[in-house]
Amino acid sequence: MVKYSLIVEYLKKGNNYSQIATLCGCSRTTVWRVVQRLDSIKIETIDLKHISEGELRSLLFPERVKKGEKYLIPDFK
């Protein structure tokens, strides 16, 4: 599982995407997507200091299904 808080921390330190991907054990595309999401929601990295990992994950990627939720039952009506 990707630690988005580590990606944000390494971004603040000035590391490039390849270095962050190596340090976090994820792909450069994942790092790029996190940066794109941060830009799209217009939030500064300093504001993310007091947010937990779960809150940060749901803030960056709200369309992903949460762990406790499985499939939604389709409404055919």
C-alpha atoms as a PDB file:
ATOM      1  CA  MET A   1       0.000   0.000   0.000  1.00  0.00           C
ATOM      2  CA  VAL A   2       1.249   3.416  -0.936  1.00  0.00           C
ATOM      3  CA  LYS A   3       1.984   5.867   1.858  1.00  0.00           C
ATOM      4  CA  TYR A   4       0.725   9.137   0.444  1.00  0.00           C
ATOM      5  CA  SER A   5       2.028  11.095   3.415  1.00  0.00           C
ATOM      6  CA  LEU A   6       5.570   9.966   2.568  1.00  0.00           C
ATOM      7  CA  ILE A   7       5.131  11.104  -1.019  1.00  0.00           C
ATOM      8  CA  VAL A   8       3.998  14.521   0.200  1.00  0.00           C
ATOM      9  CA  GLU A   9       6.896  14.695   2.659  1.00  0.00           C
ATOM     10  CA  TYR A  10       9.491  13.874  -0.005  1.00  0.00           C
ATOM     11  CA  LEU A  11       7.885  16.414  -2.355  1.00  0.00           C
ATOM     12  CA  LYS A  12       8.331  19.115   0.283  1.00  0.00           C
ATOM     13  CA  LYS A  13      12.006  18.147   0.582  1.00  0.00           C
ATOM     14  CA  GLY A  14      12.512  18.706  -3.142  1.00  0.00           C
ATOM     15  CA  ASN A  15      13.063  15.155  -4.373  1.00  0.00           C
ATOM     16  CA  ASN A  16      12.169  14.347  -7.972  1.00  0.00           C
ATOM     17  CA  TYR A  17       9.522  11.810  -8.978  1.00  0.00           C
ATOM     18  CA  SER A  18      11.999   8.984  -9.618  1.00  0.00           C
ATOM     19  CA  GLN A  19      13.632   9.411  -6.222  1.00  0.00           C
ATOM     20  CA  ILE A  20      10.265   9.529  -4.459  1.00  0.00           C
ATOM     21  CA  ALA A  21       9.071   6.415  -6.288  1.00  0.00           C
ATOM     22  CA  THR A  22      12.203   4.526  -5.247  1.00  0.00           C
ATOM     23  CA  LEU A  23      11.976   5.658  -1.636  1.00  0.00           C
ATOM     24  CA  CYS A  24       8.255   4.878  -1.321  1.00  0.00           C
ATOM     25  CA  GLY A  25       8.293   1.649  -3.307  1.00  0.00           C
ATOM     26  CA  CYS A  26       5.757   2.791  -5.872  1.00  0.00           C
ATOM     27  CA  SER A  27       5.815   3.848  -9.509  1.00  0.00           C
ATOM     28  CA  ARG A  28       6.595   7.287 -10.888  1.00  0.00           C
ATOM     29  CA  THR A  29       3.072   7.326 -12.291  1.00  0.00           C
ATOM     30  CA  THR A  30       1.662   7.012  -8.779  1.00  0.00           C
ATOM     31  CA  VAL A  31       3.772   9.941  -7.620  1.00  0.00           C
ATOM     32  CA  TRP A  32       2.663  11.947 -10.649  1.00  0.00           C
ATOM     33  CA  ARG A  33      -1.014  11.161  -9.942  1.00  0.00           C
ATOM     34  CA  VAL A  34      -0.670  12.280  -6.324  1.00  0.00           C
ATOM     35  CA  VAL A  35       0.914  15.556  -7.444  1.00  0.00           C
ATOM     36  CA  GLN A  36      -1.836  16.049 -10.043  1.00  0.00           C
ATOM     37  CA  ARG A  37      -4.530  15.442  -7.413  1.00  0.00           C
ATOM     38  CA  LEU A  38      -2.874  17.883  -5.008  1.00  0.00           C
ATOM     39  CA  ASP A  39      -2.872  20.500  -7.762  1.00  0.00           C
ATOM     40  CA  SER A  40      -6.479  19.796  -8.763  1.00  0.00           C
ATOM     41  CA  ILE A  41      -7.872  20.163  -5.245  1.00  0.00           C
ATOM     42  CA  LYS A  42      -5.673  23.228  -4.717  1.00  0.00           C
ATOM     43  CA  ILE A  43      -4.303  22.264  -1.336  1.00  0.00           C
ATOM     44  CA  GLU A  44      -0.838  23.103  -0.100  1.00  0.00           C
ATOM     45  CA  THR A  45       1.481  20.389   1.213  1.00  0.00           C
ATOM     46  CA  ILE A  46       1.821  22.294   4.481  1.00  0.00           C
ATOM     47  CA  ASP A  47      -1.924  21.895   5.099  1.00  0.00           C
ATOM     48  CA  LEU A  48      -1.575  18.097   4.913  1.00  0.00           C
ATOM     49  CA  LYS A  49       0.655  17.891   7.977  1.00  0.00           C
ATOM     50  CA  HIS A  50      -2.128  17.074  10.448  1.00  0.00           C
ATOM     51  CA  ILE A  51      -4.173  14.753   8.213  1.00  0.00           C
ATOM     52  CA  SER A  52      -4.096  10.997   8.827  1.00  0.00           C
ATOM     53  CA  GLU A  53      -3.169   8.528   6.095  1.00  0.00           C
ATOM     54  CA  GLY A  54      -6.769   7.364   5.624  1.00  0.00           C
ATOM     55  CA  GLU A  55      -8.118  10.890   5.365  1.00  0.00           C
ATOM     56  CA  LEU A  56      -5.390  11.807   2.897  1.00  0.00           C
ATOM     57  CA  ARG A  57      -6.188   8.747   0.769  1.00  0.00           C
ATOM     58  CA  SER A  58      -9.900   9.597   0.668  1.00  0.00           C
ATOM     59  CA  LEU A  59      -9.112  13.262  -0.044  1.00  0.00           C
ATOM     60  CA  LEU A  60      -6.827  12.447  -2.978  1.00  0.00           C
ATOM     61  CA  PHE A  61      -8.794   9.546  -4.439  1.00  0.00           C
ATOM     62  CA  PRO A  62     -12.446   9.773  -3.355  1.00  0.00           C
ATOM     63  CA  GLU A  63     -13.635   7.534  -6.194  1.00  0.00           C
ATOM     64  CA  ARG A  64     -11.843   4.480  -4.827  1.00  0.00           C
ATOM     65  CA  VAL A  65     -13.862   2.079  -2.729  1.00  0.00           C
ATOM     66  CA  LYS A  66     -13.105   2.045   0.966  1.00  0.00           C
ATOM     67  CA  LYS A  67     -11.835  -1.165   2.488  1.00  0.00           C
ATOM     68  CA  GLY A  68     -15.010  -2.084   4.386  1.00  0.00           C
ATOM     69  CA  GLU A  69     -17.258  -1.526   1.394  1.00  0.00           C
ATOM     70  CA  LYS A  70     -17.533  -4.166  -1.289  1.00  0.00           C
ATOM     71  CA  TYR A  71     -19.710  -3.937  -4.360  1.00  0.00           C
ATOM     72  CA  LEU A  72     -22.733  -1.716  -4.545  1.00  0.00           C
ATOM     73  CA  ILE A  73     -26.052  -3.384  -5.292  1.00  0.00           C
ATOM     74  CA  PRO A  74     -27.339  -2.097  -8.631  1.00  0.00           C
ATOM     75  CA  ASP A  75     -30.677  -0.340  -8.638  1.00  0.00           C
ATOM     76  CA  PHE A  76     -32.609  -1.568 -11.673  1.00  0.00           C
ATOM     77  CA  LYS A  77     -35.703   0.574 -11.033  1.00  0.00           C
END
